[in-house]
Amino acid sequence: MVTGLEPREQRLLFRGKEREDSDHLHMVGVRDMDKVLLLEDPALKDMKLRAAALAVQSPYRTFIQV
């Protein structure tokens, strides 16, 4: 909720490697004060942008067709 990203949209990096959903942080060596990067999945971000662009264009297409 803090990031605004759904779990499937998140990518977690620790020590330069992407971690899987099934990985437990303590099992891969994450300790207090370690840096962990949470990134948005670029493929899903691109799909969101394309969907938003289509949503913006669709009213104009309907108007032109009428």
N, C-alpha and C. Protein backbone atom coordinates (compact mmCIF):
# COMPACT_ATOMS: atom_id res chain seq x y z
N MET A 1 0.83 -1.20 0.00
CA MET A 1 0.00 0.00 0.00
C MET A 1 0.87 1.25 0.00
N VAL A 2 2.03 1.18 0.59
CA VAL A 2 2.90 2.35 0.66
C VAL A 2 3.41 2.74 -0.72
N THR A 3 3.75 1.76 -1.54
CA THR A 3 4.31 2.04 -2.86
C THR A 3 3.25 2.26 -3.92
N GLY A 4 2.06 1.77 -3.70
CA GLY A 4 1.01 1.87 -4.71
C GLY A 4 1.12 0.81 -5.79
N LEU A 5 1.97 -0.18 -5.58
CA LEU A 5 2.16 -1.26 -6.55
C LEU A 5 1.53 -2.55 -6.04
N GLU A 6 0.88 -3.24 -6.95
CA GLU A 6 0.36 -4.56 -6.61
C GLU A 6 1.54 -5.53 -6.47
N PRO A 7 1.39 -6.60 -5.72
CA PRO A 7 2.49 -7.55 -5.55
C PRO A 7 3.05 -8.08 -6.87
N ARG A 8 2.20 -8.31 -7.87
CA ARG A 8 2.70 -8.84 -9.15
C ARG A 8 3.49 -7.79 -9.93
N GLU A 9 3.38 -6.51 -9.57
CA GLU A 9 4.08 -5.43 -10.24
C GLU A 9 5.45 -5.14 -9.61
N GLN A 10 5.77 -5.79 -8.51
CA GLN A 10 6.99 -5.50 -7.77
C GLN A 10 8.12 -6.45 -8.15
N ARG A 11 9.33 -5.90 -8.18
CA ARG A 11 10.54 -6.69 -8.37
C ARG A 11 11.48 -6.31 -7.24
N LEU A 12 12.00 -7.32 -6.55
CA LEU A 12 12.86 -7.10 -5.39
C LEU A 12 14.28 -7.50 -5.73
N LEU A 13 15.22 -6.58 -5.52
CA LEU A 13 16.63 -6.85 -5.78
C LEU A 13 17.41 -6.80 -4.47
N PHE A 14 18.26 -7.79 -4.28
CA PHE A 14 19.14 -7.83 -3.12
C PHE A 14 20.48 -8.38 -3.57
N ARG A 15 21.54 -7.63 -3.30
CA ARG A 15 22.90 -7.98 -3.72
C ARG A 15 22.99 -8.20 -5.22
N GLY A 16 22.28 -7.37 -5.98
CA GLY A 16 22.36 -7.41 -7.43
C GLY A 16 21.57 -8.51 -8.11
N LYS A 17 20.80 -9.27 -7.36
CA LYS A 17 20.02 -10.35 -7.95
C LYS A 17 18.54 -10.15 -7.65
N GLU A 18 17.73 -10.47 -8.64
CA GLU A 18 16.28 -10.41 -8.43
C GLU A 18 15.85 -11.62 -7.62
N ARG A 19 15.04 -11.39 -6.64
CA ARG A 19 14.56 -12.47 -5.77
C ARG A 19 13.17 -12.90 -6.21
N GLU A 20 12.90 -14.16 -6.04
CA GLU A 20 11.62 -14.74 -6.44
C GLU A 20 10.57 -14.53 -5.35
N ASP A 21 9.31 -14.69 -5.72
CA ASP A 21 8.21 -14.56 -4.75
C ASP A 21 8.32 -15.58 -3.63
N SER A 22 8.84 -16.74 -3.95
CA SER A 22 8.90 -17.81 -2.96
C SER A 22 10.08 -17.67 -2.01
N ASP A 23 11.03 -16.77 -2.31
CA ASP A 23 12.19 -16.58 -1.44
C ASP A 23 11.79 -15.86 -0.16
N HIS A 24 12.29 -16.34 0.96
CA HIS A 24 12.12 -15.66 2.23
C HIS A 24 13.35 -14.79 2.46
N LEU A 25 13.15 -13.56 2.89
CA LEU A 25 14.26 -12.63 2.99
C LEU A 25 15.36 -13.13 3.92
N HIS A 26 15.00 -13.71 5.04
CA HIS A 26 16.03 -14.19 5.97
C HIS A 26 16.81 -15.38 5.39
N MET A 27 16.19 -16.11 4.47
CA MET A 27 16.86 -17.26 3.86
C MET A 27 17.88 -16.83 2.81
N VAL A 28 17.71 -15.67 2.19
CA VAL A 28 18.67 -15.20 1.20
C VAL A 28 19.72 -14.29 1.82
N GLY A 29 19.65 -14.06 3.12
CA GLY A 29 20.69 -13.33 3.83
C GLY A 29 20.39 -11.88 4.16
N VAL A 30 19.15 -11.45 4.05
CA VAL A 30 18.81 -10.06 4.40
C VAL A 30 18.82 -9.92 5.91
N ARG A 31 19.55 -8.90 6.36
CA ARG A 31 19.65 -8.63 7.80
C ARG A 31 19.27 -7.17 8.05
N ASP A 32 19.25 -6.77 9.30
CA ASP A 32 18.96 -5.38 9.65
C ASP A 32 19.94 -4.44 8.96
N MET A 33 19.42 -3.34 8.46
CA MET A 33 20.18 -2.28 7.83
C MET A 33 20.75 -2.65 6.45
N ASP A 34 20.39 -3.79 5.88
CA ASP A 34 20.78 -4.14 4.51
C ASP A 34 19.92 -3.34 3.54
N LYS A 35 20.48 -3.07 2.35
CA LYS A 35 19.74 -2.34 1.33
C LYS A 35 19.04 -3.33 0.41
N VAL A 36 17.75 -3.10 0.24
CA VAL A 36 16.92 -3.92 -0.65
C VAL A 36 16.21 -2.95 -1.57
N LEU A 37 16.25 -3.21 -2.87
CA LEU A 37 15.60 -2.34 -3.85
C LEU A 37 14.27 -2.94 -4.28
N LEU A 38 13.25 -2.12 -4.24
CA LEU A 38 11.93 -2.51 -4.73
C LEU A 38 11.67 -1.69 -5.98
N LEU A 39 11.53 -2.37 -7.12
CA LEU A 39 11.33 -1.72 -8.40
C LEU A 39 10.01 -2.13 -9.01
N GLU A 40 9.49 -1.26 -9.86
CA GLU A 40 8.29 -1.60 -10.62
C GLU A 40 8.71 -2.42 -11.83
N ASP A 41 7.97 -3.48 -12.11
CA ASP A 41 8.26 -4.34 -13.26
C ASP A 41 8.14 -3.51 -14.53
N PRO A 42 9.21 -3.39 -15.32
CA PRO A 42 9.17 -2.54 -16.51
C PRO A 42 8.15 -3.00 -17.55
N ALA A 43 7.94 -4.30 -17.69
CA ALA A 43 6.98 -4.80 -18.67
C ALA A 43 5.56 -4.39 -18.30
N LEU A 44 5.22 -4.49 -17.03
CA LEU A 44 3.88 -4.11 -16.59
C LEU A 44 3.71 -2.59 -16.64
N LYS A 45 4.78 -1.85 -16.37
CA LYS A 45 4.71 -0.40 -16.46
C LYS A 45 4.42 0.03 -17.89
N ASP A 46 5.07 -0.62 -18.85
CA ASP A 46 4.85 -0.31 -20.26
C ASP A 46 3.41 -0.63 -20.66
N MET A 47 2.89 -1.76 -20.19
CA MET A 47 1.50 -2.13 -20.51
C MET A 47 0.53 -1.10 -19.93
N LYS A 48 0.79 -0.61 -18.73
CA LYS A 48 -0.07 0.41 -18.12
C LYS A 48 -0.07 1.69 -18.95
N LEU A 49 1.12 2.11 -19.39
CA LEU A 49 1.23 3.33 -20.18
C LEU A 49 0.50 3.20 -21.51
N ARG A 50 0.63 2.04 -22.15
CA ARG A 50 -0.07 1.83 -23.43
C ARG A 50 -1.58 1.82 -23.23
N ALA A 51 -2.05 1.19 -22.15
CA ALA A 51 -3.49 1.16 -21.88
C ALA A 51 -4.01 2.57 -21.61
N ALA A 52 -3.23 3.37 -20.89
CA ALA A 52 -3.64 4.75 -20.61
C ALA A 52 -3.68 5.57 -21.90
N ALA A 53 -2.73 5.34 -22.78
CA ALA A 53 -2.70 6.06 -24.05
C ALA A 53 -3.90 5.69 -24.91
N LEU A 54 -4.28 4.42 -24.92
CA LEU A 54 -5.45 3.99 -25.68
C LEU A 54 -6.73 4.56 -25.09
N ALA A 55 -6.79 4.66 -23.78
CA ALA A 55 -7.98 5.21 -23.13
C ALA A 55 -8.15 6.69 -23.48
N VAL A 56 -7.05 7.38 -23.62
CA VAL A 56 -7.11 8.80 -23.96
C VAL A 56 -7.51 8.97 -25.42
N GLN A 57 -7.06 8.08 -26.29
CA GLN A 57 -7.34 8.20 -27.71
C GLN A 57 -8.74 7.74 -28.08
N SER A 58 -9.33 6.84 -27.35
CA SER A 58 -10.60 6.23 -27.75
C SER A 58 -11.75 7.23 -27.89
N PRO A 59 -11.91 8.25 -27.06
CA PRO A 59 -13.02 9.18 -27.29
C PRO A 59 -12.90 9.92 -28.62
N TYR A 60 -11.70 10.23 -29.05
CA TYR A 60 -11.50 10.93 -30.31
C TYR A 60 -11.87 10.04 -31.49
N ARG A 61 -11.55 8.80 -31.42
CA ARG A 61 -11.90 7.87 -32.50
C ARG A 61 -13.42 7.77 -32.62
N THR A 62 -14.09 7.67 -31.50
CA THR A 62 -15.55 7.56 -31.53
C THR A 62 -16.15 8.82 -32.13
N PHE A 63 -15.65 9.97 -31.78
CA PHE A 63 -16.17 11.22 -32.30
C PHE A 63 -15.96 11.32 -33.81
N ILE A 64 -14.81 10.90 -34.30
CA ILE A 64 -14.51 10.96 -35.72
C ILE A 64 -15.41 9.99 -36.49
N GLN A 65 -15.68 8.82 -35.95
CA GLN A 65 -16.50 7.85 -36.61
C GLN A 65 -17.95 8.30 -36.73
N VAL A 66 -18.43 9.08 -35.80
CA VAL A 66 -19.79 9.57 -35.81
C VAL A 66 -19.89 10.62 -36.84
